[in-house]
Amino acid sequence: MLEVKEISFAYDRIPVLEGINFQLAQGEHLAVMGESGCGKSTLLKIIYGALQPSQGEIFWNGKQIKGPDQTLVPGKQGVKYMSQEFDLMPFTTVAENISSYLSSASPKKLEKRVRELLYVIDMVEFAGTKVKNLSVGQQQRVGLAKVLAQKPQLLLLDEPFSHIDNFRKSYLRRNLYDYLKTEGITCLTATHDSNDVLPFADSGLVLKDNVVLAHQPILELYDKPKDLYVASLFGEANKVSIEVIKSYANTKRRIIVYAHEFTLAHTSGIGAIVIKKYPMGSHYLYKGEAENQYLLFESTQDLDLGTEVRLNISIDIINKRLQNNNGY
């Protein structure tokens, strides 16, 4: 188990993290989310032991992970960190980069293990290619294989898909996280992209203004966001008065509504005029001007600018957002 207790950190006396607490069981996956500069990377570096917290302690399986003020060599056995720099040997091949981190084994076992990791990162055909001839995205994938080759018990991934082509990301994400679950590897992924973690993480931790804003099971974090900031990490969202959506509702409370949760209605709902239109492939994203605010909504219908629409939302979604004080 990973235990993070009251971790605080500052750069040049400017607070970055304050009083961070959480636990993560063996084999679970935590998504660390938030906008750029919120402290995601800093938190991972502290957990790895590369940065010294100003206060607090970190334990992995009951043993303390010490910072650079307490130990000469950062890190702890079984804990591996993949930063946004990949630490590869540019003049050797992909296979040689991976195998250099494998324990001594027979050539046959070594080849089998390298091929297994090349499959995970979808680069079997690049085994003999020198790293210097790879794209940045391909190098990032080799960096993933390199840390997996070290058989981590706890894996810390800092924006692991940031340089990878969109058309490869989905396949790679499935491969990687399926592998981690099969091997029982505990994982923290720092990301600003919910697609990296929503289908795969067990829980999510959102950082904002130096503190933990929310820490919930990942689907609960999505379904019942604490506020508009949390919701915006998962997609386009609005904050809407229930009274405006349902005229018969006797409340002025407001709820979060994702753009895709609106449906076009004939009579009831919020009246709006389409003022912007963004083709998204499978659907359109629209910006509508309502009486007191602008709203983002999605539809498969091809609407012209200036079209008057009525936007509705199901009572099930309203009730879900009102649970646990998620209405405002």
Foldseek 3Di string as FASTA:
>chain_A
DKWWAQFWADDVPHTQAGGETDDDDFLAEEEEAEDPSNCLVVVLCVQQQAAATPDTWMDDPRHTQHHCVVDVDTGDQQEEEQELDQPFDQAFFLLCRQLVLADDDPPVVSVVLSCLLCVLLVNNVRRRPGNNPDDSQVSLSSSVSNRVNNVHQEYEAEASRVPPDPVCLVVNLVSVLVVSNVSRHYYYYYDLACSSPLVRHQWYWYGDPNYTPDIGGSVCCQLAPLDPNSVVSHAAKDWAFVCQQPVPDPDRWIAIDHQAQKDWDDDGAFKWFWADWADDPQWIWTWTDTDPDIDIHIDNDDDDGGDITGIHGDPVSVVSNPPPNNID
